[in-house]
Amino acid sequence: MNVLIAEDDHAAAETLREYLETNGFSCAIENDGIGVRKHFSKDFQAVILDVILPAGPGGLELLVEVKERYPDIKVFVVSGFNIPETRVKSLELGADFFFPKPLDLKLLLKHLQNSKN
C-alpha cells in the first residue's frame, strides 16, 4: 500500500515513514500544502494529513480536494491543535479517521492495515 505522509515536522515525518515502511508500507513525504497538491495522485491508497501545513492549502482544504478527486483513498487527519473541533470538522469533511497528536503509531498502523482489506 502506498501512503503519502503530509507533515511539516520533518523529524516526525521521517519517524512515521520508517515505522510504516518497517511494517510493509511504501511511503512518500511532503512537508507543505503545495507539495501535497503536486504530488498527490491515485497511486496512493492512503494519506496521513496534518491539518496545519505551511505554504499552500491547509490540511482540511486538501482533505476536501482528495475526497472529491479520489473518494476511495483513505484520509487520516492528524492534529494537535483544537482537537475536539478539528476532529468533528475533519470527519464532517470526509476524513476516514482523526488522530490527535501525539500520534498513536500502533492505532494508525491498525487502521492502515484494515484499509488494505
PDB file of N, CA and C in Angstrom:
ATOM      1  N   MET A   1       0.849  -1.178   0.000  1.00  0.00           N
ATOM      2  CA  MET A   1       0.000   0.000   0.000  1.00  0.00           C
ATOM      3  C   MET A   1       0.888   1.232   0.000  1.00  0.00           C
ATOM      4  N   ASN A   2       0.586   2.173  -0.868  1.00  0.00           N
ATOM      5  CA  ASN A   2       1.323   3.436  -0.951  1.00  0.00           C
ATOM      6  C   ASN A   2       0.634   4.489  -0.089  1.00  0.00           C
ATOM      7  N   VAL A   3       1.420   5.130   0.771  1.00  0.00           N
ATOM      8  CA  VAL A   3       0.896   6.117   1.707  1.00  0.00           C
ATOM      9  C   VAL A   3       1.651   7.424   1.527  1.00  0.00           C
ATOM     10  N   LEU A   4       0.908   8.521   1.417  1.00  0.00           N
ATOM     11  CA  LEU A   4       1.517   9.845   1.391  1.00  0.00           C
ATOM     12  C   LEU A   4       1.414  10.429   2.791  1.00  0.00           C
ATOM     13  N   ILE A   5       2.539  10.847   3.326  1.00  0.00           N
ATOM     14  CA  ILE A   5       2.602  11.483   4.642  1.00  0.00           C
ATOM     15  C   ILE A   5       2.742  12.981   4.413  1.00  0.00           C
ATOM     16  N   ALA A   6       1.752  13.743   4.852  1.00  0.00           N
ATOM     17  CA  ALA A   6       1.765  15.201   4.722  1.00  0.00           C
ATOM     18  C   ALA A   6       1.964  15.781   6.117  1.00  0.00           C
ATOM     19  N   GLU A   7       3.200  16.125   6.432  1.00  0.00           N
ATOM     20  CA  GLU A   7       3.570  16.553   7.787  1.00  0.00           C
ATOM     21  C   GLU A   7       4.693  17.568   7.688  1.00  0.00           C
ATOM     22  N   ASP A   8       4.511  18.743   8.327  1.00  0.00           N
ATOM     23  CA  ASP A   8       5.529  19.788   8.240  1.00  0.00           C
ATOM     24  C   ASP A   8       6.700  19.564   9.189  1.00  0.00           C
ATOM     25  N   ASP A   9       6.543  18.736  10.193  1.00  0.00           N
ATOM     26  CA  ASP A   9       7.629  18.418  11.115  1.00  0.00           C
ATOM     27  C   ASP A   9       8.467  17.299  10.482  1.00  0.00           C
ATOM     28  N   HIS A  10       9.646  17.662   9.968  1.00  0.00           N
ATOM     29  CA  HIS A  10      10.479  16.717   9.219  1.00  0.00           C
ATOM     30  C   HIS A  10      10.846  15.487  10.040  1.00  0.00           C
ATOM     31  N   ALA A  11      11.211  15.677  11.296  1.00  0.00           N
ATOM     32  CA  ALA A  11      11.593  14.543  12.143  1.00  0.00           C
ATOM     33  C   ALA A  11      10.414  13.608  12.373  1.00  0.00           C
ATOM     34  N   ALA A  12       9.244  14.166  12.632  1.00  0.00           N
ATOM     35  CA  ALA A  12       8.046  13.346  12.838  1.00  0.00           C
ATOM     36  C   ALA A  12       7.694  12.577  11.567  1.00  0.00           C
ATOM     37  N   ALA A  13       7.813  13.237  10.421  1.00  0.00           N
ATOM     38  CA  ALA A  13       7.507  12.589   9.147  1.00  0.00           C
ATOM     39  C   ALA A  13       8.453  11.428   8.883  1.00  0.00           C
ATOM     40  N   GLU A  14       9.738  11.629   9.142  1.00  0.00           N
ATOM     41  CA  GLU A  14      10.724  10.561   8.931  1.00  0.00           C
ATOM     42  C   GLU A  14      10.494   9.389   9.886  1.00  0.00           C
ATOM     43  N   THR A  15      10.173   9.687  11.128  1.00  0.00           N
ATOM     44  CA  THR A  15       9.892   8.631  12.102  1.00  0.00           C
ATOM     45  C   THR A  15       8.686   7.819  11.654  1.00  0.00           C
ATOM     46  N   LEU A  16       7.658   8.506  11.214  1.00  0.00           N
ATOM     47  CA  LEU A  16       6.458   7.827  10.748  1.00  0.00           C
ATOM     48  C   LEU A  16       6.751   6.984   9.513  1.00  0.00           C
ATOM     49  N   ARG A  17       7.511   7.530   8.584  1.00  0.00           N
ATOM     50  CA  ARG A  17       7.856   6.760   7.383  1.00  0.00           C
ATOM     51  C   ARG A  17       8.630   5.498   7.748  1.00  0.00           C
ATOM     52  N   GLU A  18       9.624   5.631   8.591  1.00  0.00           N
ATOM     53  CA  GLU A  18      10.407   4.460   8.999  1.00  0.00           C
ATOM     54  C   GLU A  18       9.520   3.403   9.647  1.00  0.00           C
ATOM     55  N   TYR A  19       8.623   3.834  10.510  1.00  0.00           N
ATOM     56  CA  TYR A  19       7.727   2.899  11.194  1.00  0.00           C
ATOM     57  C   TYR A  19       6.826   2.176  10.189  1.00  0.00           C
ATOM     58  N   LEU A  20       6.233   2.924   9.275  1.00  0.00           N
ATOM     59  CA  LEU A  20       5.324   2.312   8.315  1.00  0.00           C
ATOM     60  C   LEU A  20       6.055   1.416   7.324  1.00  0.00           C
ATOM     61  N   GLU A  21       7.231   1.844   6.866  1.00  0.00           N
ATOM     62  CA  GLU A  21       7.983   1.015   5.926  1.00  0.00           C
ATOM     63  C   GLU A  21       8.458  -0.283   6.586  1.00  0.00           C
ATOM     64  N   THR A  22       8.787  -0.217   7.857  1.00  0.00           N
ATOM     65  CA  THR A  22       9.151  -1.426   8.604  1.00  0.00           C
ATOM     66  C   THR A  22       7.976  -2.402   8.659  1.00  0.00           C
ATOM     67  N   ASN A  23       6.766  -1.860   8.576  1.00  0.00           N
ATOM     68  CA  ASN A  23       5.563  -2.679   8.637  1.00  0.00           C
ATOM     69  C   ASN A  23       4.940  -2.938   7.266  1.00  0.00           C
ATOM     70  N   GLY A  24       5.731  -2.778   6.207  1.00  0.00           N
ATOM     71  CA  GLY A  24       5.321  -3.209   4.881  1.00  0.00           C
ATOM     72  C   GLY A  24       4.651  -2.185   3.988  1.00  0.00           C
ATOM     73  N   PHE A  25       4.650  -0.925   4.376  1.00  0.00           N
ATOM     74  CA  PHE A  25       4.047   0.112   3.554  1.00  0.00           C
ATOM     75  C   PHE A  25       5.122   0.853   2.763  1.00  0.00           C
ATOM     76  N   SER A  26       4.728   1.401   1.632  1.00  0.00           N
ATOM     77  CA  SER A  26       5.597   2.260   0.841  1.00  0.00           C
ATOM     78  C   SER A  26       5.135   3.689   1.090  1.00  0.00           C
ATOM     79  N   CYS A  27       6.073   4.586   1.406  1.00  0.00           N
ATOM     80  CA  CYS A  27       5.687   5.940   1.822  1.00  0.00           C
ATOM     81  C   CYS A  27       6.436   7.020   1.059  1.00  0.00           C
ATOM     82  N   ALA A  28       5.756   8.135   0.884  1.00  0.00           N
ATOM     83  CA  ALA A  28       6.356   9.362   0.376  1.00  0.00           C
ATOM     84  C   ALA A  28       5.993  10.459   1.366  1.00  0.00           C
ATOM     85  N   ILE A  29       6.835  11.479   1.438  1.00  0.00           N
ATOM     86  CA  ILE A  29       6.612  12.580   2.367  1.00  0.00           C
ATOM     87  C   ILE A  29       6.530  13.895   1.605  1.00  0.00           C
ATOM     88  N   GLU A  30       5.572  14.712   1.995  1.00  0.00           N
ATOM     89  CA  GLU A  30       5.508  16.106   1.554  1.00  0.00           C
ATOM     90  C   GLU A  30       5.367  16.951   2.809  1.00  0.00           C
ATOM     91  N   ASN A  31       6.079  18.069   2.854  1.00  0.00           N
ATOM     92  CA  ASN A  31       6.109  18.888   4.062  1.00  0.00           C
ATOM     93  C   ASN A  31       5.271  20.157   3.988  1.00  0.00           C
ATOM     94  N   ASP A  32       4.594  20.394   2.862  1.00  0.00           N
ATOM     95  CA  ASP A  32       3.736  21.571   2.771  1.00  0.00           C
ATOM     96  C   ASP A  32       2.567  21.301   1.832  1.00  0.00           C
ATOM     97  N   GLY A  33       1.586  22.185   1.866  1.00  0.00           N
ATOM     98  CA  GLY A  33       0.386  22.003   1.068  1.00  0.00           C
ATOM     99  C   GLY A  33       0.628  22.023  -0.431  1.00  0.00           C
ATOM    100  N   ILE A  34       1.567  22.832  -0.887  1.00  0.00           N
ATOM    101  CA  ILE A  34       1.880  22.894  -2.317  1.00  0.00           C
ATOM    102  C   ILE A  34       2.417  21.547  -2.790  1.00  0.00           C
ATOM    103  N   GLY A  35       3.326  20.968  -2.020  1.00  0.00           N
ATOM    104  CA  GLY A  35       3.895  19.667  -2.374  1.00  0.00           C
ATOM    105  C   GLY A  35       2.853  18.566  -2.384  1.00  0.00           C
ATOM    106  N   VAL A  36       1.961  18.591  -1.411  1.00  0.00           N
ATOM    107  CA  VAL A  36       0.900  17.580  -1.369  1.00  0.00           C
ATOM    108  C   VAL A  36       0.040  17.695  -2.622  1.00  0.00           C
ATOM    109  N   ARG A  37      -0.359  18.893  -2.940  1.00  0.00           N
ATOM    110  CA  ARG A  37      -1.217  19.104  -4.110  1.00  0.00           C
ATOM    111  C   ARG A  37      -0.526  18.627  -5.390  1.00  0.00           C
ATOM    112  N   LYS A  38       0.767  18.907  -5.537  1.00  0.00           N
ATOM    113  CA  LYS A  38       1.503  18.499  -6.744  1.00  0.00           C
ATOM    114  C   LYS A  38       1.754  16.992  -6.781  1.00  0.00           C
ATOM    115  N   HIS A  39       2.044  16.400  -5.643  1.00  0.00           N
ATOM    116  CA  HIS A  39       2.478  15.013  -5.562  1.00  0.00           C
ATOM    117  C   HIS A  39       1.319  14.024  -5.542  1.00  0.00           C
ATOM    118  N   PHE A  40       0.154  14.471  -5.078  1.00  0.00           N
ATOM    119  CA  PHE A  40      -0.924  13.519  -4.848  1.00  0.00           C
ATOM    120  C   PHE A  40      -1.487  12.966  -6.146  1.00  0.00           C
ATOM    121  N   SER A  41      -1.735  11.665  -6.144  1.00  0.00           N
ATOM    122  CA  SER A  41      -2.322  11.002  -7.307  1.00  0.00           C
ATOM    123  C   SER A  41      -3.076   9.766  -6.845  1.00  0.00           C
ATOM    124  N   LYS A  42      -3.723   9.113  -7.792  1.00  0.00           N
ATOM    125  CA  LYS A  42      -4.470   7.896  -7.479  1.00  0.00           C
ATOM    126  C   LYS A  42      -3.540   6.737  -7.131  1.00  0.00           C
ATOM    127  N   ASP A  43      -2.230   6.918  -7.276  1.00  0.00           N
ATOM    128  CA  ASP A  43      -1.271   5.865  -6.932  1.00  0.00           C
ATOM    129  C   ASP A  43      -1.171   5.645  -5.431  1.00  0.00           C
ATOM    130  N   PHE A  44      -1.684   6.588  -4.647  1.00  0.00           N
ATOM    131  CA  PHE A  44      -1.703   6.438  -3.196  1.00  0.00           C
ATOM    132  C   PHE A  44      -3.035   5.824  -2.780  1.00  0.00           C
ATOM    133  N   GLN A  45      -2.960   4.911  -1.835  1.00  0.00           N
ATOM    134  CA  GLN A  45      -4.181   4.320  -1.299  1.00  0.00           C
ATOM    135  C   GLN A  45      -4.595   4.992   0.013  1.00  0.00           C
ATOM    136  N   ALA A  46      -3.674   5.760   0.603  1.00  0.00           N
ATOM    137  CA  ALA A  46      -3.967   6.460   1.853  1.00  0.00           C
ATOM    138  C   ALA A  46      -3.082   7.693   1.968  1.00  0.00           C
ATOM    139  N   VAL A  47      -3.597   8.674   2.710  1.00  0.00           N
ATOM    140  CA  VAL A  47      -2.808   9.862   3.030  1.00  0.00           C
ATOM    141  C   VAL A  47      -2.981  10.144   4.516  1.00  0.00           C
ATOM    142  N   ILE A  48      -1.862  10.437   5.150  1.00  0.00           N
ATOM    143  CA  ILE A  48      -1.859  10.882   6.543  1.00  0.00           C
ATOM    144  C   ILE A  48      -1.632  12.376   6.476  1.00  0.00           C
ATOM    145  N   LEU A  49      -2.640  13.126   6.866  1.00  0.00           N
ATOM    146  CA  LEU A  49      -2.698  14.545   6.545  1.00  0.00           C
ATOM    147  C   LEU A  49      -2.743  15.408   7.797  1.00  0.00           C
ATOM    148  N   ASP A  50      -1.662  16.132   8.039  1.00  0.00           N
ATOM    149  CA  ASP A  50      -1.632  17.086   9.148  1.00  0.00           C
ATOM    150  C   ASP A  50      -2.528  18.269   8.773  1.00  0.00           C
ATOM    151  N   VAL A  51      -3.261  18.782   9.739  1.00  0.00           N
ATOM    152  CA  VAL A  51      -4.178  19.887   9.465  1.00  0.00           C
ATOM    153  C   VAL A  51      -3.429  21.172   9.141  1.00  0.00           C
ATOM    154  N   ILE A  52      -2.356  21.431   9.881  1.00  0.00           N
ATOM    155  CA  ILE A  52      -1.625  22.683   9.677  1.00  0.00           C
ATOM    156  C   ILE A  52      -0.369  22.405   8.862  1.00  0.00           C
ATOM    157  N   LEU A  53      -0.363  22.933   7.647  1.00  0.00           N
ATOM    158  CA  LEU A  53       0.768  22.787   6.739  1.00  0.00           C
ATOM    159  C   LEU A  53       1.165  24.169   6.245  1.00  0.00           C
ATOM    160  N   PRO A  54       2.472  24.415   6.106  1.00  0.00           N
ATOM    161  CA  PRO A  54       2.908  25.698   5.565  1.00  0.00           C
ATOM    162  C   PRO A  54       2.766  25.718   4.044  1.00  0.00           C
ATOM    163  N   ALA A  55       2.814  26.881   3.480  1.00  0.00           N
ATOM    164  CA  ALA A  55       2.888  27.086   2.024  1.00  0.00           C
ATOM    165  C   ALA A  55       1.800  26.351   1.261  1.00  0.00           C
ATOM    166  N   GLY A  56       0.760  27.065   0.964  1.00  0.00           N
ATOM    167  CA  GLY A  56      -0.294  26.475   0.158  1.00  0.00           C
ATOM    168  C   GLY A  56      -1.500  26.095   0.997  1.00  0.00           C
ATOM    169  N   PRO A  57      -2.316  25.216   0.438  1.00  0.00           N
ATOM    170  CA  PRO A  57      -3.546  24.863   1.144  1.00  0.00           C
ATOM    171  C   PRO A  57      -3.258  24.108   2.441  1.00  0.00           C
ATOM    172  N   GLY A  58      -4.153  24.273   3.389  1.00  0.00           N
ATOM    173  CA  GLY A  58      -4.041  23.547   4.649  1.00  0.00           C
ATOM    174  C   GLY A  58      -4.622  22.157   4.526  1.00  0.00           C
ATOM    175  N   GLY A  59      -4.483  21.399   5.593  1.00  0.00           N
ATOM    176  CA  GLY A  59      -4.911  20.011   5.581  1.00  0.00           C
ATOM    177  C   GLY A  59      -6.392  19.806   5.307  1.00  0.00           C
ATOM    178  N   LEU A  60      -7.252  20.646   5.876  1.00  0.00           N
ATOM    179  CA  LEU A  60      -8.684  20.453   5.663  1.00  0.00           C
ATOM    180  C   LEU A  60      -9.090  20.763   4.228  1.00  0.00           C
ATOM    181  N   GLU A  61      -8.464  21.772   3.633  1.00  0.00           N
ATOM    182  CA  GLU A  61      -8.723  22.067   2.217  1.00  0.00           C
ATOM    183  C   GLU A  61      -8.254  20.909   1.340  1.00  0.00           C
ATOM    184  N   LEU A  62      -7.097  20.364   1.656  1.00  0.00           N
ATOM    185  CA  LEU A  62      -6.580  19.225   0.897  1.00  0.00           C
ATOM    186  C   LEU A  62      -7.457  17.991   1.087  1.00  0.00           C
ATOM    187  N   LEU A  63      -7.983  17.803   2.284  1.00  0.00           N
ATOM    188  CA  LEU A  63      -8.895  16.690   2.550  1.00  0.00           C
ATOM    189  C   LEU A  63     -10.075  16.729   1.582  1.00  0.00           C
ATOM    190  N   VAL A  64     -10.679  17.888   1.438  1.00  0.00           N
ATOM    191  CA  VAL A  64     -11.824  18.034   0.533  1.00  0.00           C
ATOM    192  C   VAL A  64     -11.403  17.731  -0.907  1.00  0.00           C
ATOM    193  N   GLU A  65     -10.265  18.259  -1.333  1.00  0.00           N
ATOM    194  CA  GLU A  65      -9.785  18.027  -2.699  1.00  0.00           C
ATOM    195  C   GLU A  65      -9.539  16.545  -2.962  1.00  0.00           C
ATOM    196  N   VAL A  66      -8.873  15.883  -2.034  1.00  0.00           N
ATOM    197  CA  VAL A  66      -8.563  14.460  -2.212  1.00  0.00           C
ATOM    198  C   VAL A  66      -9.852  13.648  -2.300  1.00  0.00           C
ATOM    199  N   LYS A  67     -10.780  13.890  -1.392  1.00  0.00           N
ATOM    200  CA  LYS A  67     -12.021  13.112  -1.375  1.00  0.00           C
ATOM    201  C   LYS A  67     -12.882  13.375  -2.608  1.00  0.00           C
ATOM    202  N   GLU A  68     -12.827  14.599  -3.144  1.00  0.00           N
ATOM    203  CA  GLU A  68     -13.580  14.887  -4.368  1.00  0.00           C
ATOM    204  C   GLU A  68     -12.970  14.172  -5.571  1.00  0.00           C
ATOM    205  N   ARG A  69     -11.643  14.169  -5.658  1.00  0.00           N
ATOM    206  CA  ARG A  69     -10.965  13.570  -6.811  1.00  0.00           C
ATOM    207  C   ARG A  69     -10.830  12.056  -6.704  1.00  0.00           C
ATOM    208  N   TYR A  70     -10.569  11.568  -5.488  1.00  0.00           N
ATOM    209  CA  TYR A  70     -10.305  10.139  -5.269  1.00  0.00           C
ATOM    210  C   TYR A  70     -11.077   9.656  -4.040  1.00  0.00           C
ATOM    211  N   PRO A  71     -12.382   9.467  -4.144  1.00  0.00           N
ATOM    212  CA  PRO A  71     -13.188   9.143  -2.964  1.00  0.00           C
ATOM    213  C   PRO A  71     -12.814   7.840  -2.271  1.00  0.00           C
ATOM    214  N   ASP A  72     -12.152   6.931  -2.957  1.00  0.00           N
ATOM    215  CA  ASP A  72     -11.804   5.649  -2.342  1.00  0.00           C
ATOM    216  C   ASP A  72     -10.512   5.690  -1.537  1.00  0.00           C
ATOM    217  N   ILE A  73      -9.741   6.750  -1.687  1.00  0.00           N
ATOM    218  CA  ILE A  73      -8.488   6.860  -0.940  1.00  0.00           C
ATOM    219  C   ILE A  73      -8.807   7.194   0.511  1.00  0.00           C
ATOM    220  N   LYS A  74      -8.150   6.480   1.417  1.00  0.00           N
ATOM    221  CA  LYS A  74      -8.349   6.703   2.847  1.00  0.00           C
ATOM    222  C   LYS A  74      -7.561   7.925   3.277  1.00  0.00           C
ATOM    223  N   VAL A  75      -8.221   8.820   4.008  1.00  0.00           N
ATOM    224  CA  VAL A  75      -7.557  10.018   4.516  1.00  0.00           C
ATOM    225  C   VAL A  75      -7.628  10.003   6.035  1.00  0.00           C
ATOM    226  N   PHE A  76      -6.454   9.998   6.641  1.00  0.00           N
ATOM    227  CA  PHE A  76      -6.326  10.007   8.088  1.00  0.00           C
ATOM    228  C   PHE A  76      -5.787  11.371   8.500  1.00  0.00           C
ATOM    229  N   VAL A  77      -6.612  12.143   9.171  1.00  0.00           N
ATOM    230  CA  VAL A  77      -6.247  13.502   9.563  1.00  0.00           C
ATOM    231  C   VAL A  77      -5.578  13.471  10.933  1.00  0.00           C
ATOM    232  N   VAL A  78      -4.523  14.289  11.071  1.00  0.00           N
ATOM    233  CA  VAL A  78      -3.731  14.366  12.302  1.00  0.00           C
ATOM    234  C   VAL A  78      -3.646  15.828  12.724  1.00  0.00           C
ATOM    235  N   SER A  79      -3.847  16.073  14.022  1.00  0.00           N
ATOM    236  CA  SER A  79      -3.691  17.441  14.503  1.00  0.00           C
ATOM    237  C   SER A  79      -3.473  17.461  16.006  1.00  0.00           C
ATOM    238  N   GLY A  80      -2.716  18.434  16.434  1.00  0.00           N
ATOM    239  CA  GLY A  80      -2.521  18.681  17.854  1.00  0.00           C
ATOM    240  C   GLY A  80      -3.162  19.990  18.260  1.00  0.00           C
ATOM    241  N   PHE A  81      -3.916  20.585  17.353  1.00  0.00           N
ATOM    242  CA  PHE A  81      -4.490  21.907  17.565  1.00  0.00           C
ATOM    243  C   PHE A  81      -6.011  21.819  17.657  1.00  0.00           C
ATOM    244  N   ASN A  82      -6.575  22.385  18.708  1.00  0.00           N
ATOM    245  CA  ASN A  82      -8.023  22.491  18.845  1.00  0.00           C
ATOM    246  C   ASN A  82      -8.703  21.152  18.550  1.00  0.00           C
ATOM    247  N   ILE A  83      -8.261  20.122  19.231  1.00  0.00           N
ATOM    248  CA  ILE A  83      -8.597  18.739  18.887  1.00  0.00           C
ATOM    249  C   ILE A  83     -10.096  18.443  18.781  1.00  0.00           C
ATOM    250  N   PRO A  84     -10.949  18.774  19.750  1.00  0.00           N
ATOM    251  CA  PRO A  84     -12.367  18.390  19.595  1.00  0.00           C
ATOM    252  C   PRO A  84     -13.033  18.987  18.351  1.00  0.00           C
ATOM    253  N   GLU A  85     -12.824  20.275  18.127  1.00  0.00           N
ATOM    254  CA  GLU A  85     -13.441  20.921  16.970  1.00  0.00           C
ATOM    255  C   GLU A  85     -12.831  20.442  15.657  1.00  0.00           C
ATOM    256  N   THR A  86     -11.517  20.263  15.647  1.00  0.00           N
ATOM    257  CA  THR A  86     -10.843  19.812  14.429  1.00  0.00           C
ATOM    258  C   THR A  86     -11.271  18.394  14.075  1.00  0.00           C
ATOM    259  N   ARG A  87     -11.423  17.555  15.084  1.00  0.00           N
ATOM    260  CA  ARG A  87     -11.881  16.179  14.845  1.00  0.00           C
ATOM    261  C   ARG A  87     -13.260  16.189  14.186  1.00  0.00           C
ATOM    262  N   VAL A  88     -14.193  16.932  14.746  1.00  0.00           N
ATOM    263  CA  VAL A  88     -15.558  16.984  14.204  1.00  0.00           C
ATOM    264  C   VAL A  88     -15.531  17.512  12.773  1.00  0.00           C
ATOM    265  N   LYS A  89     -14.833  18.607  12.550  1.00  0.00           N
ATOM    266  CA  LYS A  89     -14.762  19.216  11.213  1.00  0.00           C
ATOM    267  C   LYS A  89     -14.144  18.247  10.202  1.00  0.00           C
ATOM    268  N   SER A  90     -13.070  17.571  10.590  1.00  0.00           N
ATOM    269  CA  SER A  90     -12.398  16.615   9.698  1.00  0.00           C
ATOM    270  C   SER A  90     -13.342  15.503   9.274  1.00  0.00           C
ATOM    271  N   LEU A  91     -14.046  14.945  10.232  1.00  0.00           N
ATOM    272  CA  LEU A  91     -14.967  13.847   9.926  1.00  0.00           C
ATOM    273  C   LEU A  91     -16.144  14.327   9.086  1.00  0.00           C
ATOM    274  N   GLU A  92     -16.623  15.529   9.354  1.00  0.00           N
ATOM    275  CA  GLU A  92     -17.706  16.104   8.538  1.00  0.00           C
ATOM    276  C   GLU A  92     -17.257  16.291   7.084  1.00  0.00           C
ATOM    277  N   LEU A  93     -15.997  16.621   6.885  1.00  0.00           N
ATOM    278  CA  LEU A  93     -15.468  16.851   5.536  1.00  0.00           C
ATOM    279  C   LEU A  93     -15.066  15.564   4.819  1.00  0.00           C
ATOM    280  N   GLY A  94     -15.168  14.418   5.498  1.00  0.00           N
ATOM    281  CA  GLY A  94     -14.913  13.147   4.827  1.00  0.00           C
ATOM    282  C   GLY A  94     -13.702  12.371   5.273  1.00  0.00           C
ATOM    283  N   ALA A  95     -13.010  12.812   6.319  1.00  0.00           N
ATOM    284  CA  ALA A  95     -11.858  12.044   6.809  1.00  0.00           C
ATOM    285  C   ALA A  95     -12.328  10.659   7.230  1.00  0.00           C
ATOM    286  N   ASP A  96     -11.489   9.670   7.004  1.00  0.00           N
ATOM    287  CA  ASP A  96     -11.811   8.309   7.407  1.00  0.00           C
ATOM    288  C   ASP A  96     -11.537   8.078   8.890  1.00  0.00           C
ATOM    289  N   PHE A  97     -10.622   8.857   9.446  1.00  0.00           N
ATOM    290  CA  PHE A  97     -10.336   8.773  10.877  1.00  0.00           C
ATOM    291  C   PHE A  97      -9.548  10.015  11.266  1.00  0.00           C
ATOM    292  N   PHE A  98      -9.661  10.394  12.519  1.00  0.00           N
ATOM    293  CA  PHE A  98      -8.914  11.530  13.060  1.00  0.00           C
ATOM    294  C   PHE A  98      -8.025  11.035  14.193  1.00  0.00           C
ATOM    295  N   PHE A  99      -6.761  11.458  14.159  1.00  0.00           N
ATOM    296  CA  PHE A  99      -5.795  11.105  15.198  1.00  0.00           C
ATOM    297  C   PHE A  99      -5.269  12.368  15.865  1.00  0.00           C
ATOM    298  N   PRO A 100      -5.414  12.485  17.184  1.00  0.00           N
ATOM    299  CA  PRO A 100      -4.798  13.621  17.876  1.00  0.00           C
ATOM    300  C   PRO A 100      -3.295  13.392  18.005  1.00  0.00           C
ATOM    301  N   LYS A 101      -2.554  14.482  18.081  1.00  0.00           N
ATOM    302  CA  LYS A 101      -1.119  14.385  18.366  1.00  0.00           C
ATOM    303  C   LYS A 101      -0.932  14.429  19.869  1.00  0.00           C
ATOM    304  N   PRO A 102       0.031  13.727  20.407  1.00  0.00           N
ATOM    305  CA  PRO A 102       0.994  12.888  19.694  1.00  0.00           C
ATOM    306  C   PRO A 102       0.317  11.655  19.095  1.00  0.00           C
ATOM    307  N   LEU A 103       0.781  11.285  17.943  1.00  0.00           N
ATOM    308  CA  LEU A 103       0.190  10.217  17.152  1.00  0.00           C
ATOM    309  C   LEU A 103       0.426   8.855  17.790  1.00  0.00           C
ATOM    310  N   ASP A 104      -0.630   8.074  17.902  1.00  0.00           N
ATOM    311  CA  ASP A 104      -0.554   6.691  18.382  1.00  0.00           C
ATOM    312  C   ASP A 104      -0.207   5.821  17.176  1.00  0.00           C
ATOM    313  N   LEU A 105       1.065   5.469  17.027  1.00  0.00           N
ATOM    314  CA  LEU A 105       1.524   4.748  15.841  1.00  0.00           C
ATOM    315  C   LEU A 105       0.867   3.382  15.695  1.00  0.00           C
ATOM    316  N   LYS A 106       0.661   2.691  16.791  1.00  0.00           N
ATOM    317  CA  LYS A 106       0.041   1.358  16.716  1.00  0.00           C
ATOM    318  C   LYS A 106      -1.404   1.451  16.237  1.00  0.00           C
ATOM    319  N   LEU A 107      -2.136   2.450  16.710  1.00  0.00           N
ATOM    320  CA  LEU A 107      -3.516   2.637  16.273  1.00  0.00           C
ATOM    321  C   LEU A 107      -3.560   3.021  14.793  1.00  0.00           C
ATOM    322  N   LEU A 108      -2.670   3.900  14.373  1.00  0.00           N
ATOM    323  CA  LEU A 108      -2.598   4.274  12.961  1.00  0.00           C
ATOM    324  C   LEU A 108      -2.294   3.049  12.108  1.00  0.00           C
ATOM    325  N   LEU A 109      -1.329   2.250  12.523  1.00  0.00           N
ATOM    326  CA  LEU A 109      -0.967   1.039  11.780  1.00  0.00           C
ATOM    327  C   LEU A 109      -2.169   0.115  11.648  1.00  0.00           C
ATOM    328  N   LYS A 110      -2.907  -0.053  12.715  1.00  0.00           N
ATOM    329  CA  LYS A 110      -4.104  -0.907  12.692  1.00  0.00           C
ATOM    330  C   LYS A 110      -5.102  -0.403  11.646  1.00  0.00           C
ATOM    331  N   HIS A 111      -5.344   0.903  11.614  1.00  0.00           N
ATOM    332  CA  HIS A 111      -6.291   1.466  10.645  1.00  0.00           C
ATOM    333  C   HIS A 111      -5.773   1.329   9.217  1.00  0.00           C
ATOM    334  N   LEU A 112      -4.497   1.513   9.010  1.00  0.00           N
ATOM    335  CA  LEU A 112      -3.935   1.331   7.665  1.00  0.00           C
ATOM    336  C   LEU A 112      -4.034  -0.122   7.223  1.00  0.00           C
ATOM    337  N   GLN A 113      -3.724  -1.035   8.115  1.00  0.00           N
ATOM    338  CA  GLN A 113      -3.812  -2.458   7.776  1.00  0.00           C
ATOM    339  C   GLN A 113      -5.241  -2.851   7.462  1.00  0.00           C
ATOM    340  N   ASN A 114      -6.209  -2.327   8.212  1.00  0.00           N
ATOM    341  CA  ASN A 114      -7.620  -2.618   7.935  1.00  0.00           C
ATOM    342  C   ASN A 114      -8.055  -2.029   6.611  1.00  0.00           C
ATOM    343  N   SER A 115      -7.423  -0.946   6.182  1.00  0.00           N
ATOM    344  CA  SER A 115      -7.763  -0.311   4.901  1.00  0.00           C
ATOM    345  C   SER A 115      -7.308  -1.151   3.710  1.00  0.00           C
ATOM    346  N   LYS A 116      -6.311  -1.988   3.929  1.00  0.00           N
ATOM    347  CA  LYS A 116      -5.791  -2.824   2.857  1.00  0.00           C
ATOM    348  C   LYS A 116      -6.790  -3.912   2.464  1.00  0.00           C
ATOM    349  N   ASN A 117      -7.626  -4.302   3.416  1.00  0.00           N
ATOM    350  CA  ASN A 117      -8.559  -5.422   3.192  1.00  0.00           C
ATOM    351  C   ASN A 117      -9.803  -4.994   2.459  1.00  0.00           C
TER     352      ASN A 117
END
